[in-house]
Amino acid sequence: MAWLILIVSGMFETVWAVALAKMEGFSNLAPLPWLLIGAVISMGGLGLALKSIPVGTGYAVWVAVGAVTTLIYSVATGAEALTVVKVLLVLGIIACVGGLNLVSEPVA
């Protein structure tokens, strides 16, 4: 269950990252509620997951999930182009996250 919480909370990292970008250097505060909601859910889930996942592994997975989902969002909305290099690098991130999951032992 901790891994599911970690993955979902990593996905919520996309919510606050996109909201932060839309705030345009804090000159547009309209997305602020989304930033706060996304950050609370994202970091709250990370905190819960770290009760049973080692912090180094958990944080790396959380960041990777956030990075991948943020890229997917950016490509889907047309804000960023998808290239072969980006696909290969994202596949590398996913492979590394899978490897961390395989070698991690639960927190006692």
PDB file of N, CA and C in Angstrom:
ATOM      1  N   MET A   1       0.823  -1.197   0.000  1.00  0.00           N
ATOM      2  CA  MET A   1       0.000   0.000   0.000  1.00  0.00           C
ATOM      3  C   MET A   1       0.866   1.259   0.000  1.00  0.00           C
ATOM      4  N   ALA A   2       2.015   1.193   0.682  1.00  0.00           N
ATOM      5  CA  ALA A   2       2.902   2.356   0.744  1.00  0.00           C
ATOM      6  C   ALA A   2       3.393   2.757  -0.637  1.00  0.00           C
ATOM      7  N   TRP A   3       3.664   1.763  -1.498  1.00  0.00           N
ATOM      8  CA  TRP A   3       4.132   2.068  -2.845  1.00  0.00           C
ATOM      9  C   TRP A   3       3.049   2.751  -3.660  1.00  0.00           C
ATOM     10  N   LEU A   4       1.807   2.334  -3.500  1.00  0.00           N
ATOM     11  CA  LEU A   4       0.696   2.988  -4.198  1.00  0.00           C
ATOM     12  C   LEU A   4       0.546   4.439  -3.731  1.00  0.00           C
ATOM     13  N   ILE A   5       0.607   4.638  -2.432  1.00  0.00           N
ATOM     14  CA  ILE A   5       0.537   6.002  -1.877  1.00  0.00           C
ATOM     15  C   ILE A   5       1.678   6.853  -2.423  1.00  0.00           C
ATOM     16  N   LEU A   6       2.863   6.276  -2.481  1.00  0.00           N
ATOM     17  CA  LEU A   6       4.031   6.998  -2.985  1.00  0.00           C
ATOM     18  C   LEU A   6       3.839   7.399  -4.446  1.00  0.00           C
ATOM     19  N   ILE A   7       3.350   6.496  -5.260  1.00  0.00           N
ATOM     20  CA  ILE A   7       3.159   6.790  -6.683  1.00  0.00           C
ATOM     21  C   ILE A   7       2.084   7.856  -6.883  1.00  0.00           C
ATOM     22  N   VAL A   8       0.972   7.729  -6.185  1.00  0.00           N
ATOM     23  CA  VAL A   8      -0.101   8.726  -6.315  1.00  0.00           C
ATOM     24  C   VAL A   8       0.374  10.089  -5.812  1.00  0.00           C
ATOM     25  N   SER A   9       1.094  10.109  -4.704  1.00  0.00           N
ATOM     26  CA  SER A   9       1.592  11.391  -4.193  1.00  0.00           C
ATOM     27  C   SER A   9       2.623  11.988  -5.144  1.00  0.00           C
ATOM     28  N   GLY A  10       3.404  11.147  -5.813  1.00  0.00           N
ATOM     29  CA  GLY A  10       4.330  11.641  -6.830  1.00  0.00           C
ATOM     30  C   GLY A  10       3.591  12.267  -8.000  1.00  0.00           C
ATOM     31  N   MET A  11       2.442  11.708  -8.351  1.00  0.00           N
ATOM     32  CA  MET A  11       1.641  12.271  -9.427  1.00  0.00           C
ATOM     33  C   MET A  11       1.085  13.643  -9.040  1.00  0.00           C
ATOM     34  N   PHE A  12       0.784  13.823  -7.774  1.00  0.00           N
ATOM     35  CA  PHE A  12       0.291  15.125  -7.319  1.00  0.00           C
ATOM     36  C   PHE A  12       1.395  16.182  -7.323  1.00  0.00           C
ATOM     37  N   GLU A  13       2.629  15.744  -7.430  1.00  0.00           N
ATOM     38  CA  GLU A  13       3.726  16.701  -7.595  1.00  0.00           C
ATOM     39  C   GLU A  13       3.518  17.482  -8.894  1.00  0.00           C
ATOM     40  N   THR A  14       2.946  16.824  -9.895  1.00  0.00           N
ATOM     41  CA  THR A  14       2.643  17.496 -11.162  1.00  0.00           C
ATOM     42  C   THR A  14       1.673  18.640 -10.955  1.00  0.00           C
ATOM     43  N   VAL A  15       0.681  18.457 -10.089  1.00  0.00           N
ATOM     44  CA  VAL A  15      -0.320  19.503  -9.848  1.00  0.00           C
ATOM     45  C   VAL A  15       0.348  20.777  -9.348  1.00  0.00           C
ATOM     46  N   TRP A  16       1.195  20.636  -8.331  1.00  0.00           N
ATOM     47  CA  TRP A  16       1.784  21.871  -7.798  1.00  0.00           C
ATOM     48  C   TRP A  16       2.874  22.425  -8.697  1.00  0.00           C
ATOM     49  N   ALA A  17       3.567  21.570  -9.437  1.00  0.00           N
ATOM     50  CA  ALA A  17       4.598  22.063 -10.357  1.00  0.00           C
ATOM     51  C   ALA A  17       3.976  22.863 -11.496  1.00  0.00           C
ATOM     52  N   VAL A  18       2.886  22.355 -12.061  1.00  0.00           N
ATOM     53  CA  VAL A  18       2.200  23.071 -13.135  1.00  0.00           C
ATOM     54  C   VAL A  18       1.598  24.370 -12.600  1.00  0.00           C
ATOM     55  N   ALA A  19       0.994  24.310 -11.420  1.00  0.00           N
ATOM     56  CA  ALA A  19       0.434  25.530 -10.823  1.00  0.00           C
ATOM     57  C   ALA A  19       1.525  26.565 -10.593  1.00  0.00           C
ATOM     58  N   LEU A  20       2.679  26.123 -10.128  1.00  0.00           N
ATOM     59  CA  LEU A  20       3.792  27.038  -9.900  1.00  0.00           C
ATOM     60  C   LEU A  20       4.225  27.696 -11.209  1.00  0.00           C
ATOM     61  N   ALA A  21       4.293  26.934 -12.269  1.00  0.00           N
ATOM     62  CA  ALA A  21       4.665  27.502 -13.572  1.00  0.00           C
ATOM     63  C   ALA A  21       3.626  28.508 -14.053  1.00  0.00           C
ATOM     64  N   LYS A  22       2.345  28.199 -13.831  1.00  0.00           N
ATOM     65  CA  LYS A  22       1.276  29.093 -14.272  1.00  0.00           C
ATOM     66  C   LYS A  22       1.204  30.372 -13.441  1.00  0.00           C
ATOM     67  N   MET A  23       1.858  30.388 -12.288  1.00  0.00           N
ATOM     68  CA  MET A  23       1.874  31.594 -11.450  1.00  0.00           C
ATOM     69  C   MET A  23       2.822  32.658 -12.016  1.00  0.00           C
ATOM     70  N   GLU A  24       3.620  32.272 -12.997  1.00  0.00           N
ATOM     71  CA  GLU A  24       4.488  33.208 -13.714  1.00  0.00           C
ATOM     72  C   GLU A  24       5.328  34.062 -12.760  1.00  0.00           C
ATOM     73  N   GLY A  25       6.104  33.391 -11.936  1.00  0.00           N
ATOM     74  CA  GLY A  25       6.966  34.120 -11.002  1.00  0.00           C
ATOM     75  C   GLY A  25       6.186  34.839  -9.911  1.00  0.00           C
ATOM     76  N   PHE A  26       5.082  34.284  -9.509  1.00  0.00           N
ATOM     77  CA  PHE A  26       4.201  34.821  -8.466  1.00  0.00           C
ATOM     78  C   PHE A  26       3.508  36.116  -8.872  1.00  0.00           C
ATOM     79  N   SER A  27       3.457  36.408 -10.182  1.00  0.00           N
ATOM     80  CA  SER A  27       2.724  37.589 -10.630  1.00  0.00           C
ATOM     81  C   SER A  27       1.250  37.272 -10.877  1.00  0.00           C
ATOM     82  N   ASN A  28       0.913  35.991 -10.967  1.00  0.00           N
ATOM     83  CA  ASN A  28      -0.468  35.545 -11.139  1.00  0.00           C
ATOM     84  C   ASN A  28      -0.776  34.577 -10.004  1.00  0.00           C
ATOM     85  N   LEU A  29      -1.559  35.006  -9.041  1.00  0.00           N
ATOM     86  CA  LEU A  29      -1.818  34.179  -7.857  1.00  0.00           C
ATOM     87  C   LEU A  29      -3.050  33.275  -7.994  1.00  0.00           C
ATOM     88  N   ALA A  30      -3.728  33.329  -9.147  1.00  0.00           N
ATOM     89  CA  ALA A  30      -4.924  32.501  -9.339  1.00  0.00           C
ATOM     90  C   ALA A  30      -4.648  31.002  -9.139  1.00  0.00           C
ATOM     91  N   PRO A  31      -3.514  30.463  -9.603  1.00  0.00           N
ATOM     92  CA  PRO A  31      -3.260  29.024  -9.406  1.00  0.00           C
ATOM     93  C   PRO A  31      -2.791  28.653  -7.987  1.00  0.00           C
ATOM     94  N   LEU A  32      -2.644  29.624  -7.103  1.00  0.00           N
ATOM     95  CA  LEU A  32      -2.119  29.340  -5.760  1.00  0.00           C
ATOM     96  C   LEU A  32      -2.891  28.254  -5.018  1.00  0.00           C
ATOM     97  N   PRO A  33      -4.239  28.251  -5.051  1.00  0.00           N
ATOM     98  CA  PRO A  33      -4.940  27.165  -4.350  1.00  0.00           C
ATOM     99  C   PRO A  33      -4.552  25.777  -4.879  1.00  0.00           C
ATOM    100  N   TRP A  34      -4.360  25.654  -6.198  1.00  0.00           N
ATOM    101  CA  TRP A  34      -3.961  24.370  -6.772  1.00  0.00           C
ATOM    102  C   TRP A  34      -2.559  23.992  -6.319  1.00  0.00           C
ATOM    103  N   LEU A  35      -1.682  24.973  -6.236  1.00  0.00           N
ATOM    104  CA  LEU A  35      -0.328  24.718  -5.752  1.00  0.00           C
ATOM    105  C   LEU A  35      -0.377  24.179  -4.324  1.00  0.00           C
ATOM    106  N   LEU A  36      -1.148  24.819  -3.475  1.00  0.00           N
ATOM    107  CA  LEU A  36      -1.231  24.404  -2.067  1.00  0.00           C
ATOM    108  C   LEU A  36      -1.864  23.028  -1.916  1.00  0.00           C
ATOM    109  N   ILE A  37      -2.956  22.790  -2.639  1.00  0.00           N
ATOM    110  CA  ILE A  37      -3.625  21.485  -2.565  1.00  0.00           C
ATOM    111  C   ILE A  37      -2.687  20.382  -3.062  1.00  0.00           C
ATOM    112  N   GLY A  38      -2.062  20.616  -4.205  1.00  0.00           N
ATOM    113  CA  GLY A  38      -1.143  19.626  -4.760  1.00  0.00           C
ATOM    114  C   GLY A  38       0.029  19.346  -3.845  1.00  0.00           C
ATOM    115  N   ALA A  39       0.586  20.415  -3.250  1.00  0.00           N
ATOM    116  CA  ALA A  39       1.744  20.249  -2.370  1.00  0.00           C
ATOM    117  C   ALA A  39       1.374  19.479  -1.102  1.00  0.00           C
ATOM    118  N   VAL A  40       0.236  19.796  -0.515  1.00  0.00           N
ATOM    119  CA  VAL A  40      -0.174  19.108   0.717  1.00  0.00           C
ATOM    120  C   VAL A  40      -0.422  17.627   0.454  1.00  0.00           C
ATOM    121  N   ILE A  41      -1.145  17.321  -0.622  1.00  0.00           N
ATOM    122  CA  ILE A  41      -1.414  15.914  -0.933  1.00  0.00           C
ATOM    123  C   ILE A  41      -0.124  15.193  -1.290  1.00  0.00           C
ATOM    124  N   SER A  42       0.702  15.834  -2.116  1.00  0.00           N
ATOM    125  CA  SER A  42       1.938  15.212  -2.565  1.00  0.00           C
ATOM    126  C   SER A  42       2.893  14.935  -1.411  1.00  0.00           C
ATOM    127  N   MET A  43       3.160  15.932  -0.615  1.00  0.00           N
ATOM    128  CA  MET A  43       4.114  15.759   0.486  1.00  0.00           C
ATOM    129  C   MET A  43       3.523  14.955   1.635  1.00  0.00           C
ATOM    130  N   GLY A  44       2.206  15.080   1.828  1.00  0.00           N
ATOM    131  CA  GLY A  44       1.558  14.258   2.847  1.00  0.00           C
ATOM    132  C   GLY A  44       1.644  12.780   2.514  1.00  0.00           C
ATOM    133  N   GLY A  45       1.402  12.455   1.240  1.00  0.00           N
ATOM    134  CA  GLY A  45       1.519  11.068   0.797  1.00  0.00           C
ATOM    135  C   GLY A  45       2.946  10.559   0.912  1.00  0.00           C
ATOM    136  N   LEU A  46       3.911  11.425   0.560  1.00  0.00           N
ATOM    137  CA  LEU A  46       5.315  11.044   0.704  1.00  0.00           C
ATOM    138  C   LEU A  46       5.614  10.716   2.163  1.00  0.00           C
ATOM    139  N   GLY A  47       5.154  11.551   3.058  1.00  0.00           N
ATOM    140  CA  GLY A  47       5.388  11.319   4.484  1.00  0.00           C
ATOM    141  C   GLY A  47       4.800  10.001   4.966  1.00  0.00           C
ATOM    142  N   LEU A  48       3.591   9.697   4.510  1.00  0.00           N
ATOM    143  CA  LEU A  48       2.967   8.426   4.892  1.00  0.00           C
ATOM    144  C   LEU A  48       3.744   7.238   4.329  1.00  0.00           C
ATOM    145  N   ALA A  49       4.134   7.330   3.077  1.00  0.00           N
ATOM    146  CA  ALA A  49       4.843   6.226   2.438  1.00  0.00           C
ATOM    147  C   ALA A  49       6.199   5.967   3.089  1.00  0.00           C
ATOM    148  N   LEU A  50       6.843   7.039   3.567  1.00  0.00           N
ATOM    149  CA  LEU A  50       8.171   6.877   4.159  1.00  0.00           C
ATOM    150  C   LEU A  50       8.151   6.184   5.512  1.00  0.00           C
ATOM    151  N   LYS A  51       6.966   5.896   6.019  1.00  0.00           N
ATOM    152  CA  LYS A  51       6.881   5.097   7.242  1.00  0.00           C
ATOM    153  C   LYS A  51       7.356   3.665   6.990  1.00  0.00           C
ATOM    154  N   SER A  52       7.210   3.195   5.739  1.00  0.00           N
ATOM    155  CA  SER A  52       7.594   1.814   5.466  1.00  0.00           C
ATOM    156  C   SER A  52       8.521   1.655   4.254  1.00  0.00           C
ATOM    157  N   ILE A  53       8.901   2.749   3.631  1.00  0.00           N
ATOM    158  CA  ILE A  53       9.844   2.714   2.509  1.00  0.00           C
ATOM    159  C   ILE A  53      11.063   3.529   2.920  1.00  0.00           C
ATOM    160  N   PRO A  54      12.262   3.050   2.672  1.00  0.00           N
ATOM    161  CA  PRO A  54      13.460   3.811   3.032  1.00  0.00           C
ATOM    162  C   PRO A  54      13.446   5.198   2.374  1.00  0.00           C
ATOM    163  N   VAL A  55      13.904   6.207   3.103  1.00  0.00           N
ATOM    164  CA  VAL A  55      13.789   7.592   2.649  1.00  0.00           C
ATOM    165  C   VAL A  55      14.500   7.843   1.319  1.00  0.00           C
ATOM    166  N   GLY A  56      15.670   7.298   1.126  1.00  0.00           N
ATOM    167  CA  GLY A  56      16.389   7.525  -0.123  1.00  0.00           C
ATOM    168  C   GLY A  56      15.644   6.969  -1.317  1.00  0.00           C
ATOM    169  N   THR A  57      15.155   5.753  -1.175  1.00  0.00           N
ATOM    170  CA  THR A  57      14.389   5.116  -2.239  1.00  0.00           C
ATOM    171  C   THR A  57      13.063   5.824  -2.448  1.00  0.00           C
ATOM    172  N   GLY A  58      12.371   6.094  -1.365  1.00  0.00           N
ATOM    173  CA  GLY A  58      11.064   6.743  -1.453  1.00  0.00           C
ATOM    174  C   GLY A  58      11.133   8.108  -2.114  1.00  0.00           C
ATOM    175  N   TYR A  59      12.102   8.905  -1.709  1.00  0.00           N
ATOM    176  CA  TYR A  59      12.230  10.238  -2.280  1.00  0.00           C
ATOM    177  C   TYR A  59      12.593  10.162  -3.764  1.00  0.00           C
ATOM    178  N   ALA A  60      13.499   9.262  -4.123  1.00  0.00           N
ATOM    179  CA  ALA A  60      13.890   9.113  -5.529  1.00  0.00           C
ATOM    180  C   ALA A  60      12.692   8.695  -6.392  1.00  0.00           C
ATOM    181  N   VAL A  61      11.898   7.777  -5.903  1.00  0.00           N
ATOM    182  CA  VAL A  61      10.719   7.335  -6.646  1.00  0.00           C
ATOM    183  C   VAL A  61       9.712   8.468  -6.760  1.00  0.00           C
ATOM    184  N   TRP A  62       9.479   9.187  -5.673  1.00  0.00           N
ATOM    185  CA  TRP A  62       8.523  10.306  -5.653  1.00  0.00           C
ATOM    186  C   TRP A  62       8.914  11.367  -6.675  1.00  0.00           C
ATOM    187  N   VAL A  63      10.172  11.730  -6.698  1.00  0.00           N
ATOM    188  CA  VAL A  63      10.661  12.733  -7.650  1.00  0.00           C
ATOM    189  C   VAL A  63      10.534  12.206  -9.081  1.00  0.00           C
ATOM    190  N   ALA A  64      10.895  10.950  -9.293  1.00  0.00           N
ATOM    191  CA  ALA A  64      10.831  10.376 -10.637  1.00  0.00           C
ATOM    192  C   ALA A  64       9.402  10.332 -11.158  1.00  0.00           C
ATOM    193  N   VAL A  65       8.475   9.905 -10.325  1.00  0.00           N
ATOM    194  CA  VAL A  65       7.068   9.862 -10.734  1.00  0.00           C
ATOM    195  C   VAL A  65       6.594  11.272 -11.065  1.00  0.00           C
ATOM    196  N   GLY A  66       6.940  12.237 -10.234  1.00  0.00           N
ATOM    197  CA  GLY A  66       6.555  13.625 -10.500  1.00  0.00           C
ATOM    198  C   GLY A  66       7.152  14.141 -11.791  1.00  0.00           C
ATOM    199  N   ALA A  67       8.406  13.845 -12.031  1.00  0.00           N
ATOM    200  CA  ALA A  67       9.073  14.311 -13.248  1.00  0.00           C
ATOM    201  C   ALA A  67       8.445  13.700 -14.491  1.00  0.00           C
ATOM    202  N   VAL A  68       8.188  12.399 -14.447  1.00  0.00           N
ATOM    203  CA  VAL A  68       7.607  11.720 -15.607  1.00  0.00           C
ATOM    204  C   VAL A  68       6.190  12.212 -15.872  1.00  0.00           C
ATOM    205  N   THR A  69       5.363  12.313 -14.842  1.00  0.00           N
ATOM    206  CA  THR A  69       3.978  12.758 -15.058  1.00  0.00           C
ATOM    207  C   THR A  69       3.925  14.226 -15.475  1.00  0.00           C
ATOM    208  N   THR A  70       4.844  15.033 -14.983  1.00  0.00           N
ATOM    209  CA  THR A  70       4.887  16.435 -15.407  1.00  0.00           C
ATOM    210  C   THR A  70       5.271  16.530 -16.885  1.00  0.00           C
ATOM    211  N   LEU A  71       6.215  15.724 -17.318  1.00  0.00           N
ATOM    212  CA  LEU A  71       6.583  15.694 -18.738  1.00  0.00           C
ATOM    213  C   LEU A  71       5.399  15.220 -19.578  1.00  0.00           C
ATOM    214  N   ILE A  72       4.717  14.185 -19.139  1.00  0.00           N
ATOM    215  CA  ILE A  72       3.547  13.682 -19.871  1.00  0.00           C
ATOM    216  C   ILE A  72       2.502  14.782 -20.004  1.00  0.00           C
ATOM    217  N   TYR A  73       2.244  15.500 -18.914  1.00  0.00           N
ATOM    218  CA  TYR A  73       1.280  16.607 -18.947  1.00  0.00           C
ATOM    219  C   TYR A  73       1.728  17.677 -19.945  1.00  0.00           C
ATOM    220  N   SER A  74       2.993  18.039 -19.896  1.00  0.00           N
ATOM    221  CA  SER A  74       3.516  19.082 -20.781  1.00  0.00           C
ATOM    222  C   SER A  74       3.402  18.687 -22.250  1.00  0.00           C
ATOM    223  N   VAL A  75       3.687  17.435 -22.542  1.00  0.00           N
ATOM    224  CA  VAL A  75       3.581  16.957 -23.917  1.00  0.00           C
ATOM    225  C   VAL A  75       2.109  16.903 -24.341  1.00  0.00           C
ATOM    226  N   ALA A  76       1.245  16.415 -23.457  1.00  0.00           N
ATOM    227  CA  ALA A  76      -0.180  16.284 -23.774  1.00  0.00           C
ATOM    228  C   ALA A  76      -0.843  17.632 -24.028  1.00  0.00           C
ATOM    229  N   THR A  77      -0.387  18.668 -23.339  1.00  0.00           N
ATOM    230  CA  THR A  77      -0.975  20.000 -23.511  1.00  0.00           C
ATOM    231  C   THR A  77      -0.285  20.809 -24.597  1.00  0.00           C
ATOM    232  N   GLY A  78       0.754  20.257 -25.196  1.00  0.00           N
ATOM    233  CA  GLY A  78       1.450  20.956 -26.259  1.00  0.00           C
ATOM    234  C   GLY A  78       2.476  21.962 -25.778  1.00  0.00           C
ATOM    235  N   ALA A  79       2.735  21.997 -24.489  1.00  0.00           N
ATOM    236  CA  ALA A  79       3.698  22.946 -23.944  1.00  0.00           C
ATOM    237  C   ALA A  79       5.140  22.520 -24.211  1.00  0.00           C
ATOM    238  N   GLU A  80       5.316  21.241 -24.538  1.00  0.00           N
ATOM    239  CA  GLU A  80       6.660  20.707 -24.737  1.00  0.00           C
ATOM    240  C   GLU A  80       6.598  19.624 -25.819  1.00  0.00           C
ATOM    241  N   ALA A  81       7.608  19.572 -26.645  1.00  0.00           N
ATOM    242  CA  ALA A  81       7.668  18.556 -27.697  1.00  0.00           C
ATOM    243  C   ALA A  81       8.270  17.266 -27.148  1.00  0.00           C
ATOM    244  N   LEU A  82       7.759  16.155 -27.656  1.00  0.00           N
ATOM    245  CA  LEU A  82       8.299  14.857 -27.277  1.00  0.00           C
ATOM    246  C   LEU A  82       9.325  14.430 -28.328  1.00  0.00           C
ATOM    247  N   THR A  83      10.512  14.095 -27.848  1.00  0.00           N
ATOM    248  CA  THR A  83      11.572  13.657 -28.759  1.00  0.00           C
ATOM    249  C   THR A  83      11.992  12.241 -28.388  1.00  0.00           C
ATOM    250  N   VAL A  84      12.701  11.610 -29.283  1.00  0.00           N
ATOM    251  CA  VAL A  84      13.202  10.261 -29.033  1.00  0.00           C
ATOM    252  C   VAL A  84      14.121  10.264 -27.810  1.00  0.00           C
ATOM    253  N   VAL A  85      14.946  11.280 -27.692  1.00  0.00           N
ATOM    254  CA  VAL A  85      15.862  11.367 -26.550  1.00  0.00           C
ATOM    255  C   VAL A  85      15.078  11.451 -25.242  1.00  0.00           C
ATOM    256  N   LYS A  86      14.026  12.264 -25.205  1.00  0.00           N
ATOM    257  CA  LYS A  86      13.211  12.376 -23.984  1.00  0.00           C
ATOM    258  C   LYS A  86      12.562  11.039 -23.643  1.00  0.00           C
ATOM    259  N   VAL A  87      12.057  10.344 -24.651  1.00  0.00           N
ATOM    260  CA  VAL A  87      11.436   9.028 -24.416  1.00  0.00           C
ATOM    261  C   VAL A  87      12.456   8.070 -23.818  1.00  0.00           C
ATOM    262  N   LEU A  88      13.650   8.033 -24.391  1.00  0.00           N
ATOM    263  CA  LEU A  88      14.688   7.140 -23.880  1.00  0.00           C
ATOM    264  C   LEU A  88      15.091   7.498 -22.452  1.00  0.00           C
ATOM    265  N   LEU A  89      15.197   8.784 -22.173  1.00  0.00           N
ATOM    266  CA  LEU A  89      15.566   9.200 -20.818  1.00  0.00           C
ATOM    267  C   LEU A  89      14.465   8.875 -19.811  1.00  0.00           C
ATOM    268  N   VAL A  90      13.211   9.058 -20.198  1.00  0.00           N
ATOM    269  CA  VAL A  90      12.093   8.712 -19.310  1.00  0.00           C
ATOM    270  C   VAL A  90      12.063   7.210 -19.068  1.00  0.00           C
ATOM    271  N   LEU A  91      12.321   6.427 -20.102  1.00  0.00           N
ATOM    272  CA  LEU A  91      12.395   4.971 -19.909  1.00  0.00           C
ATOM    273  C   LEU A  91      13.524   4.612 -18.948  1.00  0.00           C
ATOM    274  N   GLY A  92      14.619   5.353 -19.007  1.00  0.00           N
ATOM    275  CA  GLY A  92      15.713   5.141 -18.057  1.00  0.00           C
ATOM    276  C   GLY A  92      15.286   5.456 -16.634  1.00  0.00           C
ATOM    277  N   ILE A  93      14.541   6.540 -16.460  1.00  0.00           N
ATOM    278  CA  ILE A  93      14.028   6.884 -15.124  1.00  0.00           C
ATOM    279  C   ILE A  93      13.130   5.763 -14.613  1.00  0.00           C
ATOM    280  N   ILE A  94      12.225   5.298 -15.459  1.00  0.00           N
ATOM    281  CA  ILE A  94      11.301   4.239 -15.052  1.00  0.00           C
ATOM    282  C   ILE A  94      12.066   2.959 -14.698  1.00  0.00           C
ATOM    283  N   ALA A  95      13.074   2.624 -15.472  1.00  0.00           N
ATOM    284  CA  ALA A  95      13.888   1.430 -15.178  1.00  0.00           C
ATOM    285  C   ALA A  95      14.592   1.580 -13.831  1.00  0.00           C
ATOM    286  N   CYS A  96      15.127   2.755 -13.563  1.00  0.00           N
ATOM    287  CA  CYS A  96      15.817   2.980 -12.287  1.00  0.00           C
ATOM    288  C   CYS A  96      14.849   2.892 -11.108  1.00  0.00           C
ATOM    289  N   VAL A  97      13.662   3.444 -11.267  1.00  0.00           N
ATOM    290  CA  VAL A  97      12.656   3.371 -10.201  1.00  0.00           C
ATOM    291  C   VAL A  97      12.271   1.919  -9.948  1.00  0.00           C
ATOM    292  N   GLY A  98      12.080   1.164 -11.017  1.00  0.00           N
ATOM    293  CA  GLY A  98      11.781  -0.261 -10.856  1.00  0.00           C
ATOM    294  C   GLY A  98      12.905  -0.991 -10.149  1.00  0.00           C
ATOM    295  N   GLY A  99      14.134  -0.657 -10.485  1.00  0.00           N
ATOM    296  CA  GLY A  99      15.279  -1.270  -9.822  1.00  0.00           C
ATOM    297  C   GLY A  99      15.342  -0.932  -8.343  1.00  0.00           C
ATOM    298  N   LEU A 100      15.072   0.322  -8.005  1.00  0.00           N
ATOM    299  CA  LEU A 100      15.055   0.711  -6.593  1.00  0.00           C
ATOM    300  C   LEU A 100      13.987  -0.062  -5.834  1.00  0.00           C
ATOM    301  N   ASN A 101      12.850  -0.262  -6.457  1.00  0.00           N
ATOM    302  CA  ASN A 101      11.772  -1.021  -5.827  1.00  0.00           C
ATOM    303  C   ASN A 101      12.204  -2.464  -5.561  1.00  0.00           C
ATOM    304  N   LEU A 102      12.941  -3.030  -6.490  1.00  0.00           N
ATOM    305  CA  LEU A 102      13.388  -4.410  -6.335  1.00  0.00           C
ATOM    306  C   LEU A 102      14.429  -4.599  -5.240  1.00  0.00           C
ATOM    307  N   VAL A 103      15.313  -3.624  -5.052  1.00  0.00           N
ATOM    308  CA  VAL A 103      16.412  -3.789  -4.093  1.00  0.00           C
ATOM    309  C   VAL A 103      16.136  -3.184  -2.722  1.00  0.00           C
ATOM    310  N   SER A 104      14.993  -2.508  -2.558  1.00  0.00           N
ATOM    311  CA  SER A 104      14.697  -1.856  -1.279  1.00  0.00           C
ATOM    312  C   SER A 104      14.079  -2.834  -0.296  1.00  0.00           C
ATOM    313  N   GLU A 105      14.513  -2.705   0.934  1.00  0.00           N
ATOM    314  CA  GLU A 105      13.930  -3.486   2.021  1.00  0.00           C
ATOM    315  C   GLU A 105      13.032  -2.574   2.834  1.00  0.00           C
ATOM    316  N   PRO A 106      11.916  -3.091   3.329  1.00  0.00           N
ATOM    317  CA  PRO A 106      10.995  -2.274   4.109  1.00  0.00           C
ATOM    318  C   PRO A 106      11.668  -1.706   5.351  1.00  0.00           C
ATOM    319  N   VAL A 107      11.190  -0.548   5.784  1.00  0.00           N
ATOM    320  CA  VAL A 107      11.676   0.067   7.011  1.00  0.00           C
ATOM    321  C   VAL A 107      11.158  -0.740   8.188  1.00  0.00           C
ATOM    322  N   ALA A 108      11.999  -1.006   9.133  1.00  0.00           N
ATOM    323  CA  ALA A 108      11.589  -1.809  10.300  1.00  0.00           C
ATOM    324  C   ALA A 108      10.747  -1.011  11.249  1.00  0.00           C
TER     325      ALA A 108
END
